[in-house]
Amino acid sequence: MKRTLGQILKIVAFLALGALLLYYAFRGVKFDELTGTLKQVNFWWIGLSLLFAGISFFSRARRWSLLIEPLGFKPSFKNTYHALMVGYLSNYALPRLGEVTRCVTLGKREKIPVDSLIGTVIVERVIDLVMLLLIMLVLLISWMDKFGAFFNEQVYGPLEAKFIDIFGGTWAFWVILLAVLVFLLALIYLFRKKLLRFTLVRKAKEILVGVLSGLQTIYRMKRKWEFILHSILIWFLYILMTWVVVFALEELSGLTFIDGMFLLVIGGLGMSAPVTAGFGAYHWITSRGLMFVYDFSLETGTAYAILAHESNSLLTIFLGALSFILLTLSRNKDKSLKPES
């Protein structure tokens, strides 16, 4: 009962935070102009964006299979894909819930230890972070004047000002942060045996072992080049699905592939916020990015954010729900085929 209540409270809290961010994202928007802009959308480009998104899901499922195989398991592509999509669907209940959900789903279906699967998912996240950093590096090199100025004024600058207000200077913040980290690490080392008495700590250790096992899979992987190609393909498709949405709005149709990379990066920052599926955070940072960097109106930037985010969300929810239904039907069919003992 308490656990169920806690989950409900978490969902309500994240939804409330998302609603607050949506309020800030739409504050100052002239809704009559926004409605007029949305009425002129060319939805063929939205469809193309969703096609790229759909292909990326298949590519990501295949890449996950490649990470799992060195563990000694060979899950079917069908189950891997459906588990992935069910995980994406779960993210609309709680942020990051999908990472665990897809591992549990595939683990039960293919009889694979969940801890090992969690390790492969974390490896995926590390690879994705590397790819994102590479894209950011390309932007910094080729587009420093706009890209650097945006992050300095909209992201780094406000954070730096807040740190100075609290600590009296940025150097003080880093000194305090380093001292706290050293202190915590010392405490963990001194009381490591006592800490293992706690269930949460033991579980964390088990997950860490699973992570290390997952990292080793890259070295044992037979098809490393296929894994690398899928990693590149996934992020290339992400850029394409982000970029082609601009052609749905006449005002944004002049934006280039590099601009699509910029929108992907700032949108990724919004999606990583601790809110359900980036609601509010994505809309705020994307609309402000288009307004600050390109001098588009807030209404145009907001229209783009709505089209890009909501179209992808609807596709993900539909495919996730479809995968959940198909897995449930398949599980029930398997049970009915089992001979009675």
Protein backbone atom coordinates (compact mmCIF):
# COMPACT_ATOMS: atom_id res chain seq x y z
CA MET A 1 0.00 0.00 0.00
CA LYS A 2 2.75 2.41 1.00
CA ARG A 3 4.75 1.51 -2.11
CA THR A 4 1.74 2.14 -4.37
CA LEU A 5 1.07 5.48 -2.67
CA GLY A 6 4.73 6.42 -3.10
CA GLN A 7 4.60 5.64 -6.83
CA ILE A 8 1.42 7.70 -7.22
CA LEU A 9 2.99 10.63 -5.40
CA LYS A 10 6.06 10.42 -7.64
CA ILE A 11 3.92 10.49 -10.77
CA VAL A 12 1.92 13.44 -9.45
CA ALA A 13 5.12 15.31 -8.52
CA PHE A 14 6.69 14.84 -11.96
CA LEU A 15 3.45 15.81 -13.69
CA ALA A 16 3.23 18.94 -11.51
CA LEU A 17 6.82 19.86 -12.40
CA GLY A 18 6.09 19.28 -16.07
CA ALA A 19 2.98 21.47 -15.84
CA LEU A 20 5.03 24.23 -14.23
CA LEU A 21 7.63 24.04 -16.97
CA LEU A 22 4.89 24.07 -19.61
CA TYR A 23 3.56 27.24 -18.00
CA TYR A 24 6.97 28.89 -18.31
CA ALA A 25 7.40 27.57 -21.84
CA PHE A 26 4.09 29.09 -23.00
CA ARG A 27 4.28 32.25 -20.91
CA GLY A 28 4.34 35.25 -23.22
CA VAL A 29 3.10 33.27 -26.24
CA LYS A 30 0.39 34.96 -28.31
CA PHE A 31 -1.98 32.05 -28.76
CA ASP A 32 -3.86 33.54 -31.70
CA GLU A 33 -0.57 33.78 -33.63
CA LEU A 34 0.47 30.30 -32.49
CA THR A 35 -2.84 28.85 -33.68
CA GLY A 36 -2.47 30.62 -37.02
CA THR A 37 1.03 29.18 -37.46
CA LEU A 38 -0.12 25.64 -36.64
CA LYS A 39 -2.95 25.88 -39.17
CA GLN A 40 -0.37 26.28 -41.96
CA VAL A 41 1.66 23.16 -41.11
CA ASN A 42 2.73 20.82 -43.93
CA PHE A 43 2.18 17.46 -42.24
CA TRP A 44 4.04 15.49 -44.92
CA TRP A 45 7.27 16.58 -43.27
CA ILE A 46 5.97 15.45 -39.89
CA GLY A 47 5.28 12.06 -41.41
CA LEU A 48 8.84 11.90 -42.77
CA SER A 49 10.18 12.77 -39.32
CA LEU A 50 8.16 9.94 -37.78
CA LEU A 51 9.49 7.54 -40.43
CA PHE A 52 13.05 8.37 -39.40
CA ALA A 53 12.06 7.94 -35.75
CA GLY A 54 10.54 4.53 -36.47
CA ILE A 55 13.69 3.33 -38.26
CA SER A 56 15.79 4.54 -35.32
CA PHE A 57 13.75 2.33 -32.97
CA PHE A 58 14.58 -0.74 -35.08
CA SER A 59 18.24 0.22 -35.25
CA ARG A 60 18.39 0.76 -31.48
CA ALA A 61 16.78 -2.65 -30.86
CA ARG A 62 19.34 -4.33 -33.11
CA ARG A 63 22.19 -2.52 -31.36
CA TRP A 64 20.88 -3.68 -27.98
CA SER A 65 20.82 -7.26 -29.24
CA LEU A 66 24.48 -6.95 -30.23
CA LEU A 67 25.33 -5.87 -26.68
CA ILE A 68 23.44 -8.78 -25.16
CA GLU A 69 24.90 -11.59 -27.31
CA PRO A 70 28.39 -11.60 -25.65
CA LEU A 71 26.63 -12.34 -22.33
CA GLY A 72 25.81 -15.77 -23.73
CA PHE A 73 22.20 -15.03 -24.73
CA LYS A 74 20.68 -14.54 -28.16
CA PRO A 75 17.30 -12.81 -27.73
CA SER A 76 14.97 -12.64 -30.70
CA PHE A 77 14.79 -9.30 -32.46
CA LYS A 78 11.01 -9.28 -31.98
CA ASN A 79 11.20 -9.55 -28.19
CA THR A 80 14.10 -7.08 -28.00
CA TYR A 81 12.18 -4.50 -30.04
CA HIS A 82 8.94 -4.94 -28.09
CA ALA A 83 10.78 -4.69 -24.74
CA LEU A 84 12.49 -1.51 -25.94
CA MET A 85 9.18 0.09 -26.95
CA VAL A 86 7.46 -0.94 -23.70
CA GLY A 87 10.34 0.74 -21.91
CA TYR A 88 9.83 3.93 -23.90
CA LEU A 89 6.13 3.80 -23.03
CA SER A 90 7.00 3.49 -19.32
CA ASN A 91 8.94 6.76 -19.48
CA TYR A 92 5.61 8.54 -19.82
CA ALA A 93 4.72 7.33 -16.33
CA LEU A 94 8.00 8.18 -14.59
CA PRO A 95 11.27 9.60 -15.98
CA ARG A 96 13.89 6.86 -16.57
CA LEU A 97 11.47 4.12 -15.52
CA GLY A 98 11.77 2.72 -19.03
CA GLU A 99 15.42 1.74 -18.55
CA VAL A 100 14.45 -0.78 -15.87
CA THR A 101 11.13 -1.75 -17.45
CA ARG A 102 12.63 -2.84 -20.74
CA CYS A 103 15.28 -4.92 -18.94
CA VAL A 104 12.67 -6.63 -16.77
CA THR A 105 10.42 -7.22 -19.79
CA LEU A 106 13.14 -8.78 -21.93
CA GLY A 107 14.65 -10.62 -18.96
CA LYS A 108 11.40 -12.41 -18.23
CA ARG A 109 10.72 -13.14 -21.87
CA GLU A 110 14.20 -14.47 -22.72
CA LYS A 111 15.30 -15.74 -19.25
CA ILE A 112 18.21 -13.25 -19.03
CA PRO A 113 19.47 -11.85 -15.67
CA VAL A 114 18.08 -8.33 -15.29
CA ASP A 115 21.28 -6.99 -13.69
CA SER A 116 23.28 -7.96 -16.78
CA LEU A 117 20.71 -6.29 -19.03
CA ILE A 118 20.86 -3.11 -16.95
CA GLY A 119 24.62 -3.15 -17.51
CA THR A 120 24.10 -3.21 -21.28
CA VAL A 121 21.62 -0.33 -21.07
CA ILE A 122 24.15 1.77 -19.15
CA VAL A 123 26.76 0.94 -21.80
CA GLU A 124 24.24 2.20 -24.37
CA ARG A 125 23.85 5.43 -22.43
CA VAL A 126 27.62 5.91 -22.30
CA ILE A 127 27.88 5.40 -26.07
CA ASP A 128 24.97 7.80 -26.65
CA LEU A 129 26.68 10.41 -24.46
CA VAL A 130 29.86 10.05 -26.53
CA MET A 131 27.86 10.52 -29.75
CA LEU A 132 26.13 13.59 -28.35
CA LEU A 133 29.46 15.08 -27.26
CA LEU A 134 30.85 14.48 -30.76
CA ILE A 135 27.89 16.33 -32.28
CA MET A 136 28.42 19.18 -29.83
CA LEU A 137 32.10 19.26 -30.78
CA VAL A 138 31.19 19.56 -34.46
CA LEU A 139 28.85 22.44 -33.60
CA LEU A 140 31.46 24.19 -31.48
CA ILE A 141 34.04 23.95 -34.26
CA SER A 142 31.79 24.90 -37.17
CA TRP A 143 29.34 27.22 -35.46
CA MET A 144 31.01 28.70 -32.40
CA ASP A 145 29.60 32.21 -32.79
CA LYS A 146 25.95 31.16 -32.42
CA PHE A 147 26.14 27.86 -30.56
CA GLY A 148 28.64 29.09 -27.98
CA ALA A 149 26.78 32.36 -27.47
CA PHE A 150 23.50 30.55 -26.81
CA PHE A 151 24.91 28.28 -24.11
CA ASN A 152 26.90 31.09 -22.53
CA GLU A 153 23.87 33.36 -22.22
CA GLN A 154 21.04 30.87 -21.70
CA VAL A 155 22.68 27.98 -19.78
CA TYR A 156 26.17 28.61 -18.37
CA GLY A 157 25.71 32.32 -17.59
CA PRO A 158 22.62 31.95 -15.34
CA LEU A 159 24.20 28.99 -13.51
CA GLU A 160 27.41 30.89 -12.94
CA ALA A 161 25.49 33.89 -11.60
CA LYS A 162 23.57 31.66 -9.18
CA PHE A 163 26.79 30.07 -7.93
CA ILE A 164 28.35 33.48 -7.35
CA ASP A 165 25.27 34.61 -5.40
CA ILE A 166 25.46 31.52 -3.16
CA PHE A 167 29.20 31.01 -2.75
CA GLY A 168 30.62 34.45 -3.50
CA GLY A 169 32.63 33.21 -6.48
CA THR A 170 32.89 30.27 -8.86
CA TRP A 171 36.20 29.14 -7.33
CA ALA A 172 34.49 28.74 -3.94
CA PHE A 173 31.82 26.52 -5.44
CA TRP A 174 34.34 24.13 -6.99
CA VAL A 175 36.41 24.00 -3.80
CA ILE A 176 33.31 23.17 -1.72
CA LEU A 177 32.13 20.60 -4.25
CA LEU A 178 35.55 18.89 -4.31
CA ALA A 179 35.74 18.85 -0.49
CA VAL A 180 32.27 17.29 -0.20
CA LEU A 181 33.11 14.60 -2.77
CA VAL A 182 36.39 13.71 -1.02
CA PHE A 183 34.58 13.57 2.34
CA LEU A 184 31.84 11.29 0.97
CA LEU A 185 34.34 8.96 -0.70
CA ALA A 186 36.31 8.72 2.55
CA LEU A 187 33.15 7.84 4.49
CA ILE A 188 32.17 5.17 1.96
CA TYR A 189 35.64 3.60 2.11
CA LEU A 190 35.83 3.62 5.94
CA PHE A 191 32.35 2.16 6.45
CA ARG A 192 32.14 -0.02 3.32
CA LYS A 193 31.53 -3.27 5.26
CA LYS A 194 28.79 -1.78 7.42
CA LEU A 195 27.14 -0.18 4.41
CA LEU A 196 26.72 -3.60 2.77
CA ARG A 197 24.27 -4.50 5.53
CA PHE A 198 21.73 -2.19 3.89
CA THR A 199 19.61 -3.72 1.13
CA LEU A 200 19.86 -0.59 -1.04
CA VAL A 201 23.67 -0.63 -0.94
CA ARG A 202 23.80 -4.36 -1.75
CA LYS A 203 21.44 -3.78 -4.66
CA ALA A 204 23.62 -0.93 -5.90
CA LYS A 205 26.66 -3.22 -5.74
CA GLU A 206 24.82 -5.89 -7.73
CA ILE A 207 23.91 -3.31 -10.36
CA LEU A 208 27.54 -2.13 -10.51
CA VAL A 209 28.66 -5.71 -11.12
CA GLY A 210 26.08 -5.91 -13.90
CA VAL A 211 27.41 -2.66 -15.37
CA LEU A 212 30.98 -3.99 -15.41
CA SER A 213 29.72 -7.14 -17.07
CA GLY A 214 27.94 -5.00 -19.65
CA LEU A 215 31.10 -2.97 -20.34
CA GLN A 216 33.01 -6.17 -21.01
CA THR A 217 30.52 -7.09 -23.71
CA ILE A 218 32.02 -4.48 -26.05
CA TYR A 219 35.40 -6.23 -25.94
CA ARG A 220 33.82 -9.64 -26.50
CA MET A 221 31.54 -8.45 -29.27
CA LYS A 222 31.96 -10.28 -32.58
CA ARG A 223 30.29 -7.61 -34.72
CA LYS A 224 31.91 -4.45 -33.38
CA TRP A 225 31.62 -2.65 -36.71
CA GLU A 226 27.90 -3.33 -36.94
CA PHE A 227 27.53 -1.92 -33.41
CA ILE A 228 29.46 1.22 -34.41
CA LEU A 229 27.45 1.62 -37.62
CA HIS A 230 24.16 1.35 -35.73
CA SER A 231 25.38 3.92 -33.19
CA ILE A 232 26.17 6.35 -36.03
CA LEU A 233 22.91 5.53 -37.86
CA ILE A 234 20.78 6.11 -34.76
CA TRP A 235 22.13 9.60 -34.20
CA PHE A 236 22.08 10.44 -37.92
CA LEU A 237 18.38 9.53 -37.92
CA TYR A 238 17.86 11.63 -34.79
CA ILE A 239 19.32 14.65 -36.59
CA LEU A 240 17.17 14.00 -39.66
CA MET A 241 13.94 13.56 -37.68
CA THR A 242 14.68 16.81 -35.82
CA TRP A 243 15.70 18.75 -38.91
CA VAL A 244 12.93 17.84 -41.36
CA VAL A 245 10.26 19.19 -38.99
CA VAL A 246 11.47 22.72 -39.81
CA PHE A 247 10.15 22.29 -43.38
CA ALA A 248 6.65 21.83 -41.98
CA LEU A 249 6.73 25.55 -41.10
CA GLU A 250 7.44 28.01 -43.91
CA GLU A 251 9.24 30.44 -41.58
CA LEU A 252 11.81 27.78 -40.61
CA SER A 253 12.30 26.16 -44.02
CA GLY A 254 15.66 27.87 -44.58
CA LEU A 255 17.36 26.08 -41.68
CA THR A 256 20.19 23.71 -42.65
CA PHE A 257 21.39 20.28 -41.51
CA ILE A 258 23.78 21.97 -39.05
CA ASP A 259 20.81 23.84 -37.61
CA GLY A 260 19.11 20.46 -37.17
CA MET A 261 22.13 19.32 -35.15
CA PHE A 262 21.77 22.38 -32.92
CA LEU A 263 18.06 21.72 -32.37
CA LEU A 264 18.83 18.08 -31.54
CA VAL A 265 21.41 19.06 -28.91
CA ILE A 266 19.30 21.65 -27.12
CA GLY A 267 16.23 19.41 -27.41
CA GLY A 268 18.26 16.59 -25.86
CA LEU A 269 19.01 18.83 -22.89
CA GLY A 270 15.28 19.39 -22.47
CA MET A 271 14.53 15.67 -22.74
CA SER A 272 17.11 14.89 -20.05
CA ALA A 273 15.32 17.11 -17.51
CA PRO A 274 13.71 15.20 -14.59
CA VAL A 275 10.18 15.52 -15.97
CA THR A 276 7.94 13.08 -17.82
CA ALA A 277 9.25 12.70 -21.40
CA GLY A 278 10.73 16.21 -21.33
CA PHE A 279 7.32 17.92 -21.24
CA GLY A 280 7.74 21.63 -20.71
CA ALA A 281 11.54 21.55 -20.56
CA TYR A 282 11.82 20.56 -24.24
CA HIS A 283 9.31 23.22 -25.30
CA TRP A 284 11.02 25.94 -23.29
CA ILE A 285 14.61 25.38 -24.40
CA THR A 286 13.77 24.66 -28.05
CA SER A 287 11.48 27.65 -28.54
CA ARG A 288 13.98 29.96 -26.78
CA GLY A 289 16.84 28.53 -28.82
CA LEU A 290 15.05 29.34 -32.08
CA MET A 291 14.19 32.80 -30.77
CA PHE A 292 17.65 33.65 -29.38
CA VAL A 293 19.89 32.16 -32.07
CA TYR A 294 17.77 32.77 -35.20
CA ASP A 295 15.58 35.68 -34.10
CA PHE A 296 12.35 33.82 -34.90
CA SER A 297 9.23 34.78 -33.00
CA LEU A 298 8.37 32.95 -29.79
CA GLU A 299 5.20 31.68 -31.47
CA THR A 300 7.16 30.11 -34.35
CA GLY A 301 9.63 28.50 -31.96
CA THR A 302 6.81 27.17 -29.80
CA ALA A 303 4.99 25.79 -32.87
CA TYR A 304 8.14 23.88 -33.85
CA ALA A 305 8.53 22.50 -30.30
CA ILE A 306 4.92 21.30 -30.26
CA LEU A 307 5.18 19.61 -33.67
CA ALA A 308 8.53 17.92 -32.95
CA HIS A 309 7.76 16.79 -29.40
CA GLU A 310 4.10 15.85 -29.59
CA SER A 311 4.35 13.99 -32.91
CA ASN A 312 7.22 11.87 -31.59
CA SER A 313 5.42 11.32 -28.28
CA LEU A 314 2.27 10.11 -30.02
CA LEU A 315 4.28 7.72 -32.19
CA THR A 316 6.19 6.37 -29.18
CA ILE A 317 3.04 5.89 -27.11
CA PHE A 318 1.26 4.15 -30.01
CA LEU A 319 4.16 1.79 -30.78
CA GLY A 320 4.82 1.18 -27.08
CA ALA A 321 1.18 0.31 -26.42
CA LEU A 322 1.13 -1.94 -29.50
CA SER A 323 4.27 -3.76 -28.29
CA PHE A 324 2.77 -4.19 -24.82
CA ILE A 325 -0.40 -5.72 -26.30
CA LEU A 326 1.55 -8.05 -28.61
CA LEU A 327 3.82 -9.22 -25.77
CA THR A 328 0.79 -9.85 -23.54
CA LEU A 329 -0.99 -11.85 -26.26
CA SER A 330 2.19 -13.82 -26.95
CA ARG A 331 2.67 -14.58 -23.24
CA ASN A 332 -0.94 -15.76 -22.89
CA LYS A 333 -0.54 -17.93 -25.98
CA ASP A 334 2.60 -19.53 -24.56
CA LYS A 335 0.78 -20.29 -21.29
CA SER A 336 -2.13 -21.92 -23.13
CA LEU A 337 0.27 -24.13 -25.12
CA LYS A 338 2.03 -25.43 -21.99
CA PRO A 339 0.95 -28.98 -21.13
CA GLU A 340 -0.79 -29.29 -17.79
CA SER A 341 1.29 -31.15 -15.19
